[in-house]
C-alpha atoms as a PDB file:
ATOM      1  CA  UNK A   1      -4.944  43.455  24.030  1.00  0.00           C
ATOM      2  CA  UNK A   2      -2.581  45.775  22.105  1.00  0.00           C
ATOM      3  CA  UNK A   3       0.341  43.338  22.095  1.00  0.00           C
ATOM      4  CA  UNK A   4      -1.687  40.332  20.980  1.00  0.00           C
ATOM      5  CA  UNK A   5      -3.442  42.377  18.265  1.00  0.00           C
ATOM      6  CA  UNK A   6      -0.028  43.545  17.041  1.00  0.00           C
ATOM      7  CA  UNK A   7       0.669  39.945  16.079  1.00  0.00           C
ATOM      8  CA  UNK A   8      -2.900  39.263  14.902  1.00  0.00           C
ATOM      9  CA  UNK A   9      -3.567  36.770  17.699  1.00  0.00           C
ATOM     10  CA  UNK A  10      -7.101  36.202  19.038  1.00  0.00           C
ATOM     11  CA  UNK A  11      -7.819  36.520  22.763  1.00  0.00           C
ATOM     12  CA  UNK A  12      -7.439  33.410  24.879  1.00  0.00           C
ATOM     13  CA  UNK A  13      -6.590  34.532  28.419  1.00  0.00           C
ATOM     14  CA  UNK A  14      -8.570  37.310  30.099  1.00  0.00           C
ATOM     15  CA  UNK A  15      -5.568  39.051  31.700  1.00  0.00           C
ATOM     16  CA  UNK A  16      -1.868  39.623  31.130  1.00  0.00           C
ATOM     17  CA  UNK A  17      -1.023  37.773  34.356  1.00  0.00           C
ATOM     18  CA  UNK A  18      -2.946  34.715  33.153  1.00  0.00           C
ATOM     19  CA  UNK A  19      -1.175  34.888  29.776  1.00  0.00           C
ATOM     20  CA  UNK A  20       2.210  35.024  31.525  1.00  0.00           C
ATOM     21  CA  UNK A  21       1.304  32.155  33.876  1.00  0.00           C
ATOM     22  CA  UNK A  22       0.108  29.961  30.998  1.00  0.00           C
ATOM     23  CA  UNK A  23       3.178  30.520  28.829  1.00  0.00           C
ATOM     24  CA  UNK A  24       5.438  27.506  28.436  1.00  0.00           C
ATOM     25  CA  UNK A  25       8.106  29.676  26.778  1.00  0.00           C
ATOM     26  CA  UNK A  26       8.829  32.293  29.422  1.00  0.00           C
ATOM     27  CA  UNK A  27      12.108  33.773  30.586  1.00  0.00           C
ATOM     28  CA  UNK A  28      12.379  35.487  33.982  1.00  0.00           C
ATOM     29  CA  UNK A  29      15.461  37.462  32.942  1.00  0.00           C
ATOM     30  CA  UNK A  30      16.378  40.453  30.827  1.00  0.00           C
ATOM     31  CA  UNK A  31      18.539  38.559  28.330  1.00  0.00           C
ATOM     32  CA  UNK A  32      16.413  39.714  25.412  1.00  0.00           C
ATOM     33  CA  UNK A  33      17.214  38.215  22.009  1.00  0.00           C
ATOM     34  CA  UNK A  34      18.741  40.638  19.507  1.00  0.00           C
ATOM     35  CA  UNK A  35      16.778  41.890  16.498  1.00  0.00           C
ATOM     36  CA  UNK A  36      13.472  40.444  17.718  1.00  0.00           C
ATOM     37  CA  UNK A  37      10.253  42.037  18.959  1.00  0.00           C
ATOM     38  CA  UNK A  38       9.298  40.340  22.251  1.00  0.00           C
ATOM     39  CA  UNK A  39       6.476  40.707  24.778  1.00  0.00           C
ATOM     40  CA  UNK A  40       7.466  41.773  28.319  1.00  0.00           C
ATOM     41  CA  UNK A  41       5.143  40.944  31.193  1.00  0.00           C
ATOM     42  CA  UNK A  42       4.482  42.779  34.481  1.00  0.00           C
ATOM     43  CA  UNK A  43       2.373  42.595  37.587  1.00  0.00           C
ATOM     44  CA  UNK A  44       0.896  45.943  38.594  1.00  0.00           C
ATOM     45  CA  UNK A  45       0.334  46.842  42.245  1.00  0.00           C
ATOM     46  CA  UNK A  46      -3.059  48.450  41.611  1.00  0.00           C
ATOM     47  CA  UNK A  47      -4.247  46.151  38.791  1.00  0.00           C
ATOM     48  CA  UNK A  48      -4.500  42.401  39.425  1.00  0.00           C
ATOM     49  CA  UNK A  49      -4.693  41.767  35.660  1.00  0.00           C
ATOM     50  CA  UNK A  50      -1.106  42.876  35.106  1.00  0.00           C
ATOM     51  CA  UNK A  51       0.368  44.431  31.987  1.00  0.00           C
ATOM     52  CA  UNK A  52       2.172  43.330  28.835  1.00  0.00           C
ATOM     53  CA  UNK A  53       4.208  45.543  26.497  1.00  0.00           C
ATOM     54  CA  UNK A  54       6.029  45.017  23.230  1.00  0.00           C
ATOM     55  CA  UNK A  55       9.811  45.452  23.266  1.00  0.00           C
ATOM     56  CA  UNK A  56      11.279  46.686  20.000  1.00  0.00           C
ATOM     57  CA  UNK A  57      14.744  45.410  18.936  1.00  0.00           C
ATOM     58  CA  UNK A  58      16.288  48.812  19.821  1.00  0.00           C
ATOM     59  CA  UNK A  59      15.173  48.394  23.461  1.00  0.00           C
ATOM     60  CA  UNK A  60      12.271  50.836  23.334  1.00  0.00           C
ATOM     61  CA  UNK A  61       8.805  49.684  24.360  1.00  0.00           C
ATOM     62  CA  UNK A  62       5.269  50.073  23.049  1.00  0.00           C
ATOM     63  CA  UNK A  63       2.566  50.007  25.693  1.00  0.00           C
ATOM     64  CA  UNK A  64      -1.105  50.763  25.994  1.00  0.00           C
ATOM     65  CA  UNK A  65      -0.022  52.605  29.154  1.00  0.00           C
ATOM     66  CA  UNK A  66      -2.334  55.591  28.940  1.00  0.00           C
ATOM     67  CA  UNK A  67      -6.043  54.727  29.237  1.00  0.00           C
ATOM     68  CA  UNK A  68      -6.909  58.090  27.641  1.00  0.00           C
ATOM     69  CA  UNK A  69      -4.766  57.486  24.521  1.00  0.00           C
ATOM     70  CA  UNK A  70      -6.145  55.965  21.331  1.00  0.00           C
ATOM     71  CA  UNK A  71      -2.730  54.605  20.341  1.00  0.00           C
ATOM     72  CA  UNK A  72       0.044  52.958  22.354  1.00  0.00           C
ATOM     73  CA  UNK A  73       2.639  55.000  24.181  1.00  0.00           C
ATOM     74  CA  UNK A  74       6.272  54.728  23.030  1.00  0.00           C
ATOM     75  CA  UNK A  75       8.712  54.449  25.950  1.00  0.00           C
ATOM     76  CA  UNK A  76      12.426  54.813  25.207  1.00  0.00           C
ATOM     77  CA  UNK A  77      13.513  52.108  27.651  1.00  0.00           C
ATOM     78  CA  UNK A  78      12.391  49.706  30.348  1.00  0.00           C
ATOM     79  CA  UNK A  79      13.492  52.253  32.967  1.00  0.00           C
ATOM     80  CA  UNK A  80      11.334  54.920  31.300  1.00  0.00           C
ATOM     81  CA  UNK A  81       8.286  52.620  31.362  1.00  0.00           C
ATOM     82  CA  UNK A  82       8.886  51.797  35.030  1.00  0.00           C
ATOM     83  CA  UNK A  83       9.207  55.504  35.829  1.00  0.00           C
ATOM     84  CA  UNK A  84       5.977  56.239  33.936  1.00  0.00           C
ATOM     85  CA  UNK A  85       4.192  53.777  36.224  1.00  0.00           C
ATOM     86  CA  UNK A  86       5.694  55.332  39.343  1.00  0.00           C
ATOM     87  CA  UNK A  87       6.897  52.133  40.986  1.00  0.00           C
ATOM     88  CA  UNK A  88       3.658  50.193  40.448  1.00  0.00           C
ATOM     89  CA  UNK A  89       5.185  47.674  37.979  1.00  0.00           C
ATOM     90  CA  UNK A  90       7.042  44.492  38.860  1.00  0.00           C
ATOM     91  CA  UNK A  91       8.849  42.889  35.932  1.00  0.00           C
ATOM     92  CA  UNK A  92       7.947  39.215  35.505  1.00  0.00           C
ATOM     93  CA  UNK A  93       9.892  38.414  32.336  1.00  0.00           C
ATOM     94  CA  UNK A  94       9.559  37.994  28.587  1.00  0.00           C
ATOM     95  CA  UNK A  95       8.061  35.232  26.484  1.00  0.00           C
ATOM     96  CA  UNK A  96       8.496  33.656  23.094  1.00  0.00           C
ATOM     97  CA  UNK A  97       4.713  33.350  22.812  1.00  0.00           C
ATOM     98  CA  UNK A  98       1.503  35.267  23.309  1.00  0.00           C
ATOM     99  CA  UNK A  99      -1.758  33.435  24.099  1.00  0.00           C
ATOM    100  CA  UNK A 100       0.058  30.109  23.373  1.00  0.00           C
ATOM    101  CA  UNK A 101       0.998  31.300  19.864  1.00  0.00           C
ATOM    102  CA  UNK A 102       4.748  31.366  19.224  1.00  0.00           C
ATOM    103  CA  UNK A 103       5.932  34.810  18.088  1.00  0.00           C
ATOM    104  CA  UNK A 104       9.660  34.095  18.508  1.00  0.00           C
ATOM    105  CA  UNK A 105      10.676  30.713  17.117  1.00  0.00           C
ATOM    106  CA  UNK A 106      14.151  29.442  17.899  1.00  0.00           C
ATOM    107  CA  UNK A 107      14.903  33.037  18.893  1.00  0.00           C
ATOM    108  CA  UNK A 108      14.454  34.091  15.275  1.00  0.00           C
ATOM    109  CA  UNK A 109      11.775  36.666  14.496  1.00  0.00           C
ATOM    110  CA  UNK A 110       8.607  35.255  12.992  1.00  0.00           C
ATOM    111  CA  UNK A 111       7.707  38.647  11.529  1.00  0.00           C
ATOM    112  CA  UNK A 112      10.094  41.051   9.819  1.00  0.00           C
ATOM    113  CA  UNK A 113      11.249  43.603  12.390  1.00  0.00           C
ATOM    114  CA  UNK A 114      12.047  46.700  10.315  1.00  0.00           C
ATOM    115  CA  UNK A 115      11.611  49.906  12.228  1.00  0.00           C
ATOM    116  CA  UNK A 116      12.104  53.610  11.889  1.00  0.00           C
ATOM    117  CA  UNK A 117      13.402  55.748  14.718  1.00  0.00           C
ATOM    118  CA  UNK A 118      11.560  58.852  15.911  1.00  0.00           C
ATOM    119  CA  UNK A 119      13.329  61.987  14.796  1.00  0.00           C
ATOM    120  CA  UNK A 120      13.052  65.720  15.180  1.00  0.00           C
ATOM    121  CA  UNK A 121      11.511  67.951  17.772  1.00  0.00           C
ATOM    122  CA  UNK A 122       7.832  67.410  18.463  1.00  0.00           C
ATOM    123  CA  UNK A 123       7.720  64.032  16.723  1.00  0.00           C
ATOM    124  CA  UNK A 124       7.006  60.664  18.238  1.00  0.00           C
ATOM    125  CA  UNK A 125       6.993  57.216  16.684  1.00  0.00           C
ATOM    126  CA  UNK A 126       3.611  55.518  16.602  1.00  0.00           C
ATOM    127  CA  UNK A 127       3.391  51.735  16.746  1.00  0.00           C
ATOM    128  CA  UNK A 128       1.111  50.163  14.176  1.00  0.00           C
ATOM    129  CA  UNK A 129      -0.821  46.948  14.623  1.00  0.00           C
ATOM    130  CA  UNK A 130       2.095  45.029  13.122  1.00  0.00           C
ATOM    131  CA  UNK A 131       5.615  45.368  14.512  1.00  0.00           C
ATOM    132  CA  UNK A 132       7.249  45.462  11.084  1.00  0.00           C
ATOM    133  CA  UNK A 133       5.767  48.898  10.349  1.00  0.00           C
ATOM    134  CA  UNK A 134       6.556  52.046  12.283  1.00  0.00           C
ATOM    135  CA  UNK A 135       5.616  55.533  11.147  1.00  0.00           C
ATOM    136  CA  UNK A 136       6.374  59.038  12.365  1.00  0.00           C
ATOM    137  CA  UNK A 137       3.656  61.514  13.246  1.00  0.00           C
ATOM    138  CA  UNK A 138       3.891  65.158  14.173  1.00  0.00           C
ATOM    139  CA  UNK A 139       2.306  65.560  17.622  1.00  0.00           C
ATOM    140  CA  UNK A 140       1.850  69.312  17.109  1.00  0.00           C
ATOM    141  CA  UNK A 141      -0.732  68.626  14.381  1.00  0.00           C
ATOM    142  CA  UNK A 142      -2.945  66.502  16.630  1.00  0.00           C
END
């Protein structure tokens, strides 16, 4: 839900696995295009619905990984996301579309992909509902 809402796309498939299966623009590799936000898809050993995350151009990932969180979790890398899940994820690939809506056209970004890196102790980047906007929040104030 988080990834599709990031791009303002209505729901079509009930699970991430069904979205991945239906995609006609999928890539079962890790040859991610440069300077483009792309969805990455996973099966999850204890969740038949699977999981989808948003990969930022710098290689970090945004994921609704924590069911207790009200905002997505920022993972510094694919390895960090996989570690967070403790071996339960299996990478399926990345797509140029979400819910049959193209979000990467000709491997050029459809939306502007400006970002701002997290900085300073106790700060974490927070992904907005549009990948062109990233803000910094101070976790100690929450």
